[in-house]
Amino acid sequence: MNGKLIVTKARGLMHQFRLLEKIPCTTQDLCSSNSAGMWDSGHVPAIECVGHENVEGCPYLGTSSSKLSLFSDILDHK
């Protein structure tokens, strides 16, 4: 595959993502950062839970340990 085409497409998709006012809870970690970098611009969209009964039951907005247990459960079922 053409690497330049892939990078161009990825940049376009990232730009479209950053224009969203709300993002699903499953993608909320894409907007978090541990350090300053060239992609940091203060983009803080509203997070909307999708596919859950209530916010308290959301595995993505809970603690990091609940995220890890969710991912290990997913991997165990494959």
C-alpha atoms as a PDB file:
ATOM      1  CA  MET A   1       0.000   0.000   0.000  1.00  0.00           C
ATOM      2  CA  ASN A   2       1.000   3.559  -0.555  1.00  0.00           C
ATOM      3  CA  GLY A   3       2.150   4.978   2.803  1.00  0.00           C
ATOM      4  CA  LYS A   4       1.451   8.578   1.799  1.00  0.00           C
ATOM      5  CA  LEU A   5      -2.149   7.703   0.937  1.00  0.00           C
ATOM      6  CA  ILE A   6      -2.625   5.967   4.292  1.00  0.00           C
ATOM      7  CA  VAL A   7      -1.229   8.935   6.236  1.00  0.00           C
ATOM      8  CA  THR A   8      -3.396  11.375   4.265  1.00  0.00           C
ATOM      9  CA  LYS A   9      -6.523   9.302   4.944  1.00  0.00           C
ATOM     10  CA  ALA A  10      -5.660   8.973   8.656  1.00  0.00           C
ATOM     11  CA  ARG A  11      -5.163  12.736   8.991  1.00  0.00           C
ATOM     12  CA  GLY A  12      -8.524  13.347   7.314  1.00  0.00           C
ATOM     13  CA  LEU A  13     -10.297  10.918   9.632  1.00  0.00           C
ATOM     14  CA  MET A  14      -8.643  12.487  12.693  1.00  0.00           C
ATOM     15  CA  HIS A  15      -9.727  15.936  11.521  1.00  0.00           C
ATOM     16  CA  GLN A  16     -13.340  14.748  11.122  1.00  0.00           C
ATOM     17  CA  PHE A  17     -13.220  13.135  14.570  1.00  0.00           C
ATOM     18  CA  ARG A  18     -11.950  16.338  16.180  1.00  0.00           C
ATOM     19  CA  LEU A  19     -14.837  18.313  14.657  1.00  0.00           C
ATOM     20  CA  LEU A  20     -17.417  16.217  16.536  1.00  0.00           C
ATOM     21  CA  GLU A  21     -19.155  17.906  19.471  1.00  0.00           C
ATOM     22  CA  LYS A  22     -20.021  14.540  21.075  1.00  0.00           C
ATOM     23  CA  ILE A  23     -18.077  11.296  20.946  1.00  0.00           C
ATOM     24  CA  PRO A  24     -19.056   7.779  22.045  1.00  0.00           C
ATOM     25  CA  CYS A  25     -17.696   6.617  25.386  1.00  0.00           C
ATOM     26  CA  THR A  26     -15.751   3.875  23.591  1.00  0.00           C
ATOM     27  CA  THR A  27     -13.496   6.496  21.982  1.00  0.00           C
ATOM     28  CA  GLN A  28     -13.018   8.808  24.979  1.00  0.00           C
ATOM     29  CA  ASP A  29      -9.378   7.753  25.509  1.00  0.00           C
ATOM     30  CA  LEU A  30      -8.445   9.206  22.121  1.00  0.00           C
ATOM     31  CA  CYS A  31      -8.837  12.697  23.583  1.00  0.00           C
ATOM     32  CA  SER A  32      -6.774  12.086  26.712  1.00  0.00           C
ATOM     33  CA  SER A  33      -3.055  12.680  26.908  1.00  0.00           C
ATOM     34  CA  ASN A  34      -0.398  12.122  29.548  1.00  0.00           C
ATOM     35  CA  SER A  35       2.034  14.685  28.197  1.00  0.00           C
ATOM     36  CA  ALA A  36       2.128  17.730  25.986  1.00  0.00           C
ATOM     37  CA  GLY A  37       2.577  16.974  22.330  1.00  0.00           C
ATOM     38  CA  MET A  38       2.015  18.329  18.880  1.00  0.00           C
ATOM     39  CA  TRP A  39      -1.541  16.908  18.742  1.00  0.00           C
ATOM     40  CA  ASP A  40      -2.687  18.573  21.980  1.00  0.00           C
ATOM     41  CA  SER A  41      -5.040  21.470  21.325  1.00  0.00           C
ATOM     42  CA  GLY A  42      -7.454  21.386  24.239  1.00  0.00           C
ATOM     43  CA  HIS A  43     -10.103  19.447  22.299  1.00  0.00           C
ATOM     44  CA  VAL A  44     -12.615  18.348  24.957  1.00  0.00           C
ATOM     45  CA  PRO A  45     -15.818  17.002  23.384  1.00  0.00           C
ATOM     46  CA  ALA A  46     -18.819  15.839  25.372  1.00  0.00           C
ATOM     47  CA  ILE A  47     -18.772  12.088  26.016  1.00  0.00           C
ATOM     48  CA  GLU A  48     -21.986  10.216  25.312  1.00  0.00           C
ATOM     49  CA  CYS A  49     -22.544   6.688  26.599  1.00  0.00           C
ATOM     50  CA  VAL A  50     -23.764   4.349  23.891  1.00  0.00           C
ATOM     51  CA  GLY A  51     -24.942   0.790  24.253  1.00  0.00           C
ATOM     52  CA  HIS A  52     -25.300   0.922  28.046  1.00  0.00           C
ATOM     53  CA  GLU A  53     -28.347   0.997  30.299  1.00  0.00           C
ATOM     54  CA  ASN A  54     -27.010   3.851  32.452  1.00  0.00           C
ATOM     55  CA  VAL A  55     -23.884   5.940  32.999  1.00  0.00           C
ATOM     56  CA  GLU A  56     -22.997   4.120  36.239  1.00  0.00           C
ATOM     57  CA  GLY A  57     -22.713   0.876  34.265  1.00  0.00           C
ATOM     58  CA  CYS A  58     -20.381   2.283  31.610  1.00  0.00           C
ATOM     59  CA  PRO A  59     -17.112   0.311  31.615  1.00  0.00           C
ATOM     60  CA  TYR A  60     -15.315   3.068  29.689  1.00  0.00           C
ATOM     61  CA  LEU A  61     -16.024   5.947  32.061  1.00  0.00           C
ATOM     62  CA  GLY A  62     -15.226   3.924  35.182  1.00  0.00           C
ATOM     63  CA  THR A  63     -11.842   3.265  36.735  1.00  0.00           C
ATOM     64  CA  SER A  64      -8.895   2.010  34.736  1.00  0.00           C
ATOM     65  CA  SER A  65      -9.138  -1.389  36.460  1.00  0.00           C
ATOM     66  CA  SER A  66     -12.667  -1.833  35.118  1.00  0.00           C
ATOM     67  CA  LYS A  67     -11.359  -1.004  31.654  1.00  0.00           C
ATOM     68  CA  LEU A  68      -8.661  -3.631  31.986  1.00  0.00           C
ATOM     69  CA  SER A  69     -11.134  -6.274  33.136  1.00  0.00           C
ATOM     70  CA  LEU A  70     -13.422  -5.442  30.213  1.00  0.00           C
ATOM     71  CA  PHE A  71     -10.611  -5.856  27.697  1.00  0.00           C
ATOM     72  CA  SER A  72      -9.420  -9.095  29.289  1.00  0.00           C
ATOM     73  CA  ASP A  73     -13.002 -10.429  29.128  1.00  0.00           C
ATOM     74  CA  ILE A  74     -13.160  -9.544  25.440  1.00  0.00           C
ATOM     75  CA  LEU A  75      -9.839 -11.259  24.742  1.00  0.00           C
ATOM     76  CA  ASP A  76     -10.861 -14.370  26.687  1.00  0.00           C
ATOM     77  CA  HIS A  77     -13.970 -14.834  24.521  1.00  0.00           C
ATOM     78  CA  LYS A  78     -12.026 -14.899  21.232  1.00  0.00           C
END
